[in-house]
Amino acid sequence: MDSVVIGISALLFLLPVPGSSQYLDGRCGLLTNGKIANNISSPWMAYLHTSELLYVCGGTVITEKLVLTAAHCTRASEQFSNWRVYRNG
């Protein structure tokens, strides 16, 4: 009995999952009927650059001196004093 349950469970993993990428059309991820945004329309958006002016990540302006960004945008060894923050608006 246990082997039957394990076998059926294993087969269920082979079934396609609704919502997986094979069901999406080629345009998925593209904007449809969107509007071009200007810098003034998103004043909370910040762009983080290294001292070499390489784009690193985006962030959200919390206060004049605080920008929230994702953890994967940073590394523990980074010298953040070399970074530059540009904001919209």
PDB file of N, CA and C in Angstrom:
ATOM      1  N   MET A   1       0.817  -1.202   0.000  1.00  0.00           N
ATOM      2  CA  MET A   1       0.000   0.000   0.000  1.00  0.00           C
ATOM      3  C   MET A   1       0.858   1.262   0.000  1.00  0.00           C
ATOM      4  N   ASP A   2       1.904   1.272   0.838  1.00  0.00           N
ATOM      5  CA  ASP A   2       2.778   2.442   0.895  1.00  0.00           C
ATOM      6  C   ASP A   2       3.459   2.686  -0.445  1.00  0.00           C
ATOM      7  N   SER A   3       3.849   1.607  -1.120  1.00  0.00           N
ATOM      8  CA  SER A   3       4.530   1.779  -2.408  1.00  0.00           C
ATOM      9  C   SER A   3       3.587   2.341  -3.468  1.00  0.00           C
ATOM     10  N   VAL A   4       2.299   2.023  -3.385  1.00  0.00           N
ATOM     11  CA  VAL A   4       1.323   2.571  -4.323  1.00  0.00           C
ATOM     12  C   VAL A   4       1.172   4.073  -4.098  1.00  0.00           C
ATOM     13  N   VAL A   5       1.080   4.500  -2.859  1.00  0.00           N
ATOM     14  CA  VAL A   5       0.946   5.922  -2.537  1.00  0.00           C
ATOM     15  C   VAL A   5       2.193   6.674  -2.985  1.00  0.00           C
ATOM     16  N   ILE A   6       3.357   6.115  -2.740  1.00  0.00           N
ATOM     17  CA  ILE A   6       4.609   6.757  -3.161  1.00  0.00           C
ATOM     18  C   ILE A   6       4.678   6.834  -4.679  1.00  0.00           C
ATOM     19  N   GLY A   7       4.272   5.774  -5.361  1.00  0.00           N
ATOM     20  CA  GLY A   7       4.288   5.769  -6.821  1.00  0.00           C
ATOM     21  C   GLY A   7       3.351   6.805  -7.413  1.00  0.00           C
ATOM     22  N   ILE A   8       2.147   6.896  -6.880  1.00  0.00           N
ATOM     23  CA  ILE A   8       1.186   7.892  -7.367  1.00  0.00           C
ATOM     24  C   ILE A   8       1.692   9.303  -7.069  1.00  0.00           C
ATOM     25  N   SER A   9       2.254   9.512  -5.896  1.00  0.00           N
ATOM     26  CA  SER A   9       2.806  10.830  -5.553  1.00  0.00           C
ATOM     27  C   SER A   9       3.923  11.218  -6.504  1.00  0.00           C
ATOM     28  N   ALA A  10       4.771  10.268  -6.847  1.00  0.00           N
ATOM     29  CA  ALA A  10       5.868  10.552  -7.772  1.00  0.00           C
ATOM     30  C   ALA A  10       5.334  10.907  -9.154  1.00  0.00           C
ATOM     31  N   LEU A  11       4.289  10.236  -9.607  1.00  0.00           N
ATOM     32  CA  LEU A  11       3.707  10.527 -10.914  1.00  0.00           C
ATOM     33  C   LEU A  11       3.048  11.900 -10.948  1.00  0.00           C
ATOM     34  N   LEU A  12       2.491  12.341  -9.835  1.00  0.00           N
ATOM     35  CA  LEU A  12       1.853  13.653  -9.789  1.00  0.00           C
ATOM     36  C   LEU A  12       2.845  14.776 -10.065  1.00  0.00           C
ATOM     37  N   PHE A  13       4.108  14.579  -9.705  1.00  0.00           N
ATOM     38  CA  PHE A  13       5.115  15.598  -9.965  1.00  0.00           C
ATOM     39  C   PHE A  13       5.417  15.739 -11.450  1.00  0.00           C
ATOM     40  N   LEU A  14       5.056  14.742 -12.243  1.00  0.00           N
ATOM     41  CA  LEU A  14       5.305  14.792 -13.681  1.00  0.00           C
ATOM     42  C   LEU A  14       4.200  15.506 -14.445  1.00  0.00           C
ATOM     43  N   LEU A  15       3.070  15.726 -13.809  1.00  0.00           N
ATOM     44  CA  LEU A  15       1.965  16.413 -14.476  1.00  0.00           C
ATOM     45  C   LEU A  15       2.277  17.892 -14.630  1.00  0.00           C
ATOM     46  N   PRO A  16       1.825  18.497 -15.729  1.00  0.00           N
ATOM     47  CA  PRO A  16       2.046  19.940 -15.885  1.00  0.00           C
ATOM     48  C   PRO A  16       1.296  20.718 -14.812  1.00  0.00           C
ATOM     49  N   VAL A  17       1.907  21.758 -14.359  1.00  0.00           N
ATOM     50  CA  VAL A  17       1.317  22.582 -13.305  1.00  0.00           C
ATOM     51  C   VAL A  17       0.599  23.760 -13.948  1.00  0.00           C
ATOM     52  N   PRO A  18      -0.685  23.979 -13.640  1.00  0.00           N
ATOM     53  CA  PRO A  18      -1.373  25.156 -14.177  1.00  0.00           C
ATOM     54  C   PRO A  18      -0.630  26.429 -13.777  1.00  0.00           C
ATOM     55  N   GLY A  19      -0.464  27.303 -14.733  1.00  0.00           N
ATOM     56  CA  GLY A  19       0.259  28.536 -14.466  1.00  0.00           C
ATOM     57  C   GLY A  19       1.733  28.451 -14.808  1.00  0.00           C
ATOM     58  N   SER A  20       2.202  27.286 -15.229  1.00  0.00           N
ATOM     59  CA  SER A  20       3.609  27.188 -15.595  1.00  0.00           C
ATOM     60  C   SER A  20       3.830  27.866 -16.937  1.00  0.00           C
ATOM     61  N   SER A  21       5.059  28.147 -17.267  1.00  0.00           N
ATOM     62  CA  SER A  21       5.389  28.973 -18.431  1.00  0.00           C
ATOM     63  C   SER A  21       4.941  28.375 -19.758  1.00  0.00           C
ATOM     64  N   GLN A  22       4.717  27.082 -19.819  1.00  0.00           N
ATOM     65  CA  GLN A  22       4.301  26.494 -21.091  1.00  0.00           C
ATOM     66  C   GLN A  22       2.910  26.961 -21.515  1.00  0.00           C
ATOM     67  N   TYR A  23       2.135  27.502 -20.588  1.00  0.00           N
ATOM     68  CA  TYR A  23       0.795  27.969 -20.914  1.00  0.00           C
ATOM     69  C   TYR A  23       0.747  29.457 -21.242  1.00  0.00           C
ATOM     70  N   LEU A  24       1.862  30.144 -21.099  1.00  0.00           N
ATOM     71  CA  LEU A  24       1.883  31.580 -21.334  1.00  0.00           C
ATOM     72  C   LEU A  24       2.166  31.867 -22.797  1.00  0.00           C
ATOM     73  N   ASP A  25       1.533  32.894 -23.332  1.00  0.00           N
ATOM     74  CA  ASP A  25       1.825  33.243 -24.718  1.00  0.00           C
ATOM     75  C   ASP A  25       3.144  34.011 -24.784  1.00  0.00           C
ATOM     76  N   GLY A  26       3.645  34.207 -25.982  1.00  0.00           N
ATOM     77  CA  GLY A  26       4.945  34.828 -26.189  1.00  0.00           C
ATOM     78  C   GLY A  26       5.028  36.268 -25.729  1.00  0.00           C
ATOM     79  N   ARG A  27       3.898  36.933 -25.557  1.00  0.00           N
ATOM     80  CA  ARG A  27       3.905  38.340 -25.159  1.00  0.00           C
ATOM     81  C   ARG A  27       3.933  38.521 -23.651  1.00  0.00           C
ATOM     82  N   CYS A  28       3.938  37.454 -22.911  1.00  0.00           N
ATOM     83  CA  CYS A  28       3.898  37.557 -21.456  1.00  0.00           C
ATOM     84  C   CYS A  28       5.074  38.385 -20.952  1.00  0.00           C
ATOM     85  N   GLY A  29       4.807  39.292 -20.052  1.00  0.00           N
ATOM     86  CA  GLY A  29       5.852  40.135 -19.500  1.00  0.00           C
ATOM     87  C   GLY A  29       5.958  41.479 -20.188  1.00  0.00           C
ATOM     88  N   LEU A  30       5.304  41.626 -21.336  1.00  0.00           N
ATOM     89  CA  LEU A  30       5.324  42.890 -22.054  1.00  0.00           C
ATOM     90  C   LEU A  30       4.135  43.733 -21.623  1.00  0.00           C
ATOM     91  N   LEU A  31       4.301  45.025 -21.674  1.00  0.00           N
ATOM     92  CA  LEU A  31       3.196  45.922 -21.351  1.00  0.00           C
ATOM     93  C   LEU A  31       2.186  45.932 -22.485  1.00  0.00           C
ATOM     94  N   THR A  32       0.926  45.966 -22.150  1.00  0.00           N
ATOM     95  CA  THR A  32      -0.138  46.073 -23.131  1.00  0.00           C
ATOM     96  C   THR A  32      -0.984  47.280 -22.774  1.00  0.00           C
ATOM     97  N   ASN A  33      -1.145  48.181 -23.726  1.00  0.00           N
ATOM     98  CA  ASN A  33      -1.919  49.403 -23.510  1.00  0.00           C
ATOM     99  C   ASN A  33      -1.391  50.218 -22.331  1.00  0.00           C
ATOM    100  N   GLY A  34      -0.101  50.161 -22.103  1.00  0.00           N
ATOM    101  CA  GLY A  34       0.500  50.918 -21.009  1.00  0.00           C
ATOM    102  C   GLY A  34       0.792  52.348 -21.426  1.00  0.00           C
ATOM    103  N   LYS A  35       1.218  53.133 -20.479  1.00  0.00           N
ATOM    104  CA  LYS A  35       1.581  54.519 -20.739  1.00  0.00           C
ATOM    105  C   LYS A  35       3.052  54.705 -20.401  1.00  0.00           C
ATOM    106  N   ILE A  36       3.733  55.516 -21.172  1.00  0.00           N
ATOM    107  CA  ILE A  36       5.117  55.836 -20.881  1.00  0.00           C
ATOM    108  C   ILE A  36       5.145  56.715 -19.638  1.00  0.00           C
ATOM    109  N   ALA A  37       5.931  56.307 -18.660  1.00  0.00           N
ATOM    110  CA  ALA A  37       6.016  57.064 -17.409  1.00  0.00           C
ATOM    111  C   ALA A  37       7.153  58.069 -17.501  1.00  0.00           C
ATOM    112  N   ASN A  38       6.931  59.235 -16.952  1.00  0.00           N
ATOM    113  CA  ASN A  38       8.015  60.206 -16.879  1.00  0.00           C
ATOM    114  C   ASN A  38       8.577  60.195 -15.457  1.00  0.00           C
ATOM    115  N   ASN A  39       9.697  60.859 -15.266  1.00  0.00           N
ATOM    116  CA  ASN A  39      10.359  60.847 -13.962  1.00  0.00           C
ATOM    117  C   ASN A  39       9.505  61.430 -12.852  1.00  0.00           C
ATOM    118  N   ILE A  40       8.669  62.388 -13.167  1.00  0.00           N
ATOM    119  CA  ILE A  40       7.858  63.043 -12.149  1.00  0.00           C
ATOM    120  C   ILE A  40       6.771  62.101 -11.619  1.00  0.00           C
ATOM    121  N   SER A  41       6.367  61.118 -12.430  1.00  0.00           N
ATOM    122  CA  SER A  41       5.271  60.238 -12.023  1.00  0.00           C
ATOM    123  C   SER A  41       5.680  59.212 -10.967  1.00  0.00           C
ATOM    124  N   SER A  42       6.965  59.054 -10.713  1.00  0.00           N
ATOM    125  CA  SER A  42       7.409  58.094  -9.686  1.00  0.00           C
ATOM    126  C   SER A  42       8.550  58.682  -8.856  1.00  0.00           C
ATOM    127  N   PRO A  43       8.248  59.709  -8.058  1.00  0.00           N
ATOM    128  CA  PRO A  43       9.302  60.378  -7.291  1.00  0.00           C
ATOM    129  C   PRO A  43       9.902  59.512  -6.187  1.00  0.00           C
ATOM    130  N   TRP A  44       9.287  58.392  -5.852  1.00  0.00           N
ATOM    131  CA  TRP A  44       9.800  57.495  -4.821  1.00  0.00           C
ATOM    132  C   TRP A  44      10.862  56.541  -5.363  1.00  0.00           C
ATOM    133  N   MET A  45      11.056  56.508  -6.680  1.00  0.00           N
ATOM    134  CA  MET A  45      11.994  55.574  -7.307  1.00  0.00           C
ATOM    135  C   MET A  45      13.414  56.115  -7.252  1.00  0.00           C
ATOM    136  N   ALA A  46      14.358  55.257  -6.862  1.00  0.00           N
ATOM    137  CA  ALA A  46      15.770  55.625  -6.831  1.00  0.00           C
ATOM    138  C   ALA A  46      16.563  54.617  -7.657  1.00  0.00           C
ATOM    139  N   TYR A  47      17.659  55.069  -8.245  1.00  0.00           N
ATOM    140  CA  TYR A  47      18.551  54.219  -9.024  1.00  0.00           C
ATOM    141  C   TYR A  47      19.899  54.196  -8.336  1.00  0.00           C
ATOM    142  N   LEU A  48      20.398  53.018  -8.043  1.00  0.00           N
ATOM    143  CA  LEU A  48      21.664  52.876  -7.337  1.00  0.00           C
ATOM    144  C   LEU A  48      22.762  52.545  -8.341  1.00  0.00           C
ATOM    145  N   HIS A  49      23.845  53.309  -8.290  1.00  0.00           N
ATOM    146  CA  HIS A  49      24.981  53.122  -9.191  1.00  0.00           C
ATOM    147  C   HIS A  49      26.259  52.991  -8.378  1.00  0.00           C
ATOM    148  N   THR A  50      27.222  52.247  -8.917  1.00  0.00           N
ATOM    149  CA  THR A  50      28.537  52.178  -8.286  1.00  0.00           C
ATOM    150  C   THR A  50      29.322  53.420  -8.661  1.00  0.00           C
ATOM    151  N   SER A  51      30.510  53.553  -8.108  1.00  0.00           N
ATOM    152  CA  SER A  51      31.338  54.721  -8.422  1.00  0.00           C
ATOM    153  C   SER A  51      31.740  54.735  -9.894  1.00  0.00           C
ATOM    154  N   GLU A  52      31.694  53.565 -10.546  1.00  0.00           N
ATOM    155  CA  GLU A  52      32.002  53.492 -11.980  1.00  0.00           C
ATOM    156  C   GLU A  52      30.769  53.791 -12.830  1.00  0.00           C
ATOM    157  N   LEU A  53      29.715  54.253 -12.187  1.00  0.00           N
ATOM    158  CA  LEU A  53      28.439  54.577 -12.828  1.00  0.00           C
ATOM    159  C   LEU A  53      27.771  53.365 -13.458  1.00  0.00           C
ATOM    160  N   LEU A  54      28.025  52.188 -12.896  1.00  0.00           N
ATOM    161  CA  LEU A  54      27.338  50.987 -13.345  1.00  0.00           C
ATOM    162  C   LEU A  54      26.035  50.859 -12.566  1.00  0.00           C
ATOM    163  N   TYR A  55      24.942  50.633 -13.278  1.00  0.00           N
ATOM    164  CA  TYR A  55      23.644  50.465 -12.620  1.00  0.00           C
ATOM    165  C   TYR A  55      23.689  49.200 -11.778  1.00  0.00           C
ATOM    166  N   VAL A  56      23.281  49.294 -10.533  1.00  0.00           N
ATOM    167  CA  VAL A  56      23.273  48.145  -9.638  1.00  0.00           C
ATOM    168  C   VAL A  56      21.855  47.642  -9.430  1.00  0.00           C
ATOM    169  N   CYS A  57      20.974  48.523  -8.981  1.00  0.00           N
ATOM    170  CA  CYS A  57      19.618  48.121  -8.618  1.00  0.00           C
ATOM    171  C   CYS A  57      18.738  49.347  -8.475  1.00  0.00           C
ATOM    172  N   GLY A  58      17.473  49.088  -8.302  1.00  0.00           N
ATOM    173  CA  GLY A  58      16.535  50.145  -7.985  1.00  0.00           C
ATOM    174  C   GLY A  58      16.231  50.137  -6.498  1.00  0.00           C
ATOM    175  N   GLY A  59      15.574  51.170  -6.057  1.00  0.00           N
ATOM    176  CA  GLY A  59      15.209  51.250  -4.653  1.00  0.00           C
ATOM    177  C   GLY A  59      14.038  52.195  -4.468  1.00  0.00           C
ATOM    178  N   THR A  60      13.557  52.268  -3.245  1.00  0.00           N
ATOM    179  CA  THR A  60      12.455  53.150  -2.893  1.00  0.00           C
ATOM    180  C   THR A  60      12.944  54.196  -1.911  1.00  0.00           C
ATOM    181  N   VAL A  61      12.683  55.458  -2.215  1.00  0.00           N
ATOM    182  CA  VAL A  61      13.086  56.545  -1.327  1.00  0.00           C
ATOM    183  C   VAL A  61      12.165  56.531  -0.107  1.00  0.00           C
ATOM    184  N   ILE A  62      12.759  56.350   1.066  1.00  0.00           N
ATOM    185  CA  ILE A  62      12.009  56.354   2.320  1.00  0.00           C
ATOM    186  C   ILE A  62      12.069  57.745   2.951  1.00  0.00           C
ATOM    187  N   THR A  63      13.276  58.270   3.093  1.00  0.00           N
ATOM    188  CA  THR A  63      13.493  59.637   3.561  1.00  0.00           C
ATOM    189  C   THR A  63      14.577  60.250   2.685  1.00  0.00           C
ATOM    190  N   GLU A  64      14.928  61.478   2.961  1.00  0.00           N
ATOM    191  CA  GLU A  64      15.942  62.160   2.162  1.00  0.00           C
ATOM    192  C   GLU A  64      17.278  61.417   2.180  1.00  0.00           C
ATOM    193  N   LYS A  65      17.579  60.723   3.265  1.00  0.00           N
ATOM    194  CA  LYS A  65      18.864  60.033   3.384  1.00  0.00           C
ATOM    195  C   LYS A  65      18.733  58.520   3.491  1.00  0.00           C
ATOM    196  N   LEU A  66      17.558  57.966   3.210  1.00  0.00           N
ATOM    197  CA  LEU A  66      17.343  56.531   3.350  1.00  0.00           C
ATOM    198  C   LEU A  66      16.640  55.979   2.119  1.00  0.00           C
ATOM    199  N   VAL A  67      17.284  54.976   1.494  1.00  0.00           N
ATOM    200  CA  VAL A  67      16.712  54.291   0.334  1.00  0.00           C
ATOM    201  C   VAL A  67      16.638  52.808   0.655  1.00  0.00           C
ATOM    202  N   LEU A  68      15.473  52.217   0.447  1.00  0.00           N
ATOM    203  CA  LEU A  68      15.273  50.796   0.685  1.00  0.00           C
ATOM    204  C   LEU A  68      15.486  50.050  -0.624  1.00  0.00           C
ATOM    205  N   THR A  69      16.331  49.018  -0.596  1.00  0.00           N
ATOM    206  CA  THR A  69      16.567  48.193  -1.773  1.00  0.00           C
ATOM    207  C   THR A  69      16.578  46.734  -1.348  1.00  0.00           C
ATOM    208  N   ALA A  70      16.631  45.832  -2.289  1.00  0.00           N
ATOM    209  CA  ALA A  70      16.618  44.403  -1.995  1.00  0.00           C
ATOM    210  C   ALA A  70      17.993  43.936  -1.520  1.00  0.00           C
ATOM    211  N   ALA A  71      18.000  42.916  -0.684  1.00  0.00           N
ATOM    212  CA  ALA A  71      19.256  42.400  -0.135  1.00  0.00           C
ATOM    213  C   ALA A  71      20.171  41.871  -1.231  1.00  0.00           C
ATOM    214  N   HIS A  72      19.602  41.295  -2.295  1.00  0.00           N
ATOM    215  CA  HIS A  72      20.464  40.734  -3.335  1.00  0.00           C
ATOM    216  C   HIS A  72      21.191  41.818  -4.131  1.00  0.00           C
ATOM    217  N   CYS A  73      20.832  43.072  -3.930  1.00  0.00           N
ATOM    218  CA  CYS A  73      21.512  44.173  -4.621  1.00  0.00           C
ATOM    219  C   CYS A  73      22.828  44.543  -3.948  1.00  0.00           C
ATOM    220  N   THR A  74      23.056  44.033  -2.774  1.00  0.00           N
ATOM    221  CA  THR A  74      24.251  44.406  -2.016  1.00  0.00           C
ATOM    222  C   THR A  74      25.076  43.175  -1.685  1.00  0.00           C
ATOM    223  N   ARG A  75      26.329  43.422  -1.377  1.00  0.00           N
ATOM    224  CA  ARG A  75      27.226  42.375  -0.894  1.00  0.00           C
ATOM    225  C   ARG A  75      27.880  42.900   0.378  1.00  0.00           C
ATOM    226  N   ALA A  76      28.200  42.012   1.280  1.00  0.00           N
ATOM    227  CA  ALA A  76      28.772  42.427   2.566  1.00  0.00           C
ATOM    228  C   ALA A  76      30.093  43.167   2.385  1.00  0.00           C
ATOM    229  N   SER A  77      30.821  42.877   1.312  1.00  0.00           N
ATOM    230  CA  SER A  77      32.136  43.487   1.110  1.00  0.00           C
ATOM    231  C   SER A  77      32.061  44.830   0.380  1.00  0.00           C
ATOM    232  N   GLU A  78      30.867  45.270   0.009  1.00  0.00           N
ATOM    233  CA  GLU A  78      30.723  46.520  -0.751  1.00  0.00           C
ATOM    234  C   GLU A  78      31.118  47.736   0.067  1.00  0.00           C
ATOM    235  N   GLN A  79      31.723  48.690  -0.602  1.00  0.00           N
ATOM    236  CA  GLN A  79      31.986  50.009  -0.030  1.00  0.00           C
ATOM    237  C   GLN A  79      30.855  50.923  -0.495  1.00  0.00           C
ATOM    238  N   PHE A  80      29.828  51.061   0.315  1.00  0.00           N
ATOM    239  CA  PHE A  80      28.658  51.824  -0.099  1.00  0.00           C
ATOM    240  C   PHE A  80      28.936  53.311  -0.197  1.00  0.00           C
ATOM    241  N   SER A  81      30.009  53.765   0.418  1.00  0.00           N
ATOM    242  CA  SER A  81      30.339  55.190   0.316  1.00  0.00           C
ATOM    243  C   SER A  81      30.702  55.565  -1.116  1.00  0.00           C
ATOM    244  N   ASN A  82      31.032  54.570  -1.940  1.00  0.00           N
ATOM    245  CA  ASN A  82      31.360  54.821  -3.348  1.00  0.00           C
ATOM    246  C   ASN A  82      30.127  54.823  -4.246  1.00  0.00           C
ATOM    247  N   TRP A  83      28.997  54.437  -3.724  1.00  0.00           N
ATOM    248  CA  TRP A  83      27.786  54.365  -4.529  1.00  0.00           C
ATOM    249  C   TRP A  83      27.171  55.748  -4.697  1.00  0.00           C
ATOM    250  N   ARG A  84      26.389  55.879  -5.744  1.00  0.00           N
ATOM    251  CA  ARG A  84      25.634  57.105  -5.996  1.00  0.00           C
ATOM    252  C   ARG A  84      24.161  56.732  -6.115  1.00  0.00           C
ATOM    253  N   VAL A  85      23.310  57.599  -5.613  1.00  0.00           N
ATOM    254  CA  VAL A  85      21.865  57.383  -5.681  1.00  0.00           C
ATOM    255  C   VAL A  85      21.258  58.509  -6.491  1.00  0.00           C
ATOM    256  N   TYR A  86      20.502  58.137  -7.508  1.00  0.00           N
ATOM    257  CA  TYR A  86      19.769  59.106  -8.321  1.00  0.00           C
ATOM    258  C   TYR A  86      18.292  58.814  -8.126  1.00  0.00           C
ATOM    259  N   ARG A  87      17.506  59.855  -7.990  1.00  0.00           N
ATOM    260  CA  ARG A  87      16.076  59.629  -7.810  1.00  0.00           C
ATOM    261  C   ARG A  87      15.274  60.378  -8.860  1.00  0.00           C
ATOM    262  N   ASN A  88      14.083  59.896  -9.082  1.00  0.00           N
ATOM    263  CA  ASN A  88      13.168  60.562 -10.004  1.00  0.00           C
ATOM    264  C   ASN A  88      12.561  61.775  -9.336  1.00  0.00           C
ATOM    265  N   GLY A  89      12.085  62.678 -10.179  1.00  0.00           N
ATOM    266  CA  GLY A  89      11.321  63.799  -9.665  1.00  0.00           C
ATOM    267  C   GLY A  89      12.093  64.922  -9.148  1.00  0.00           C
TER     268      GLY A  89
END
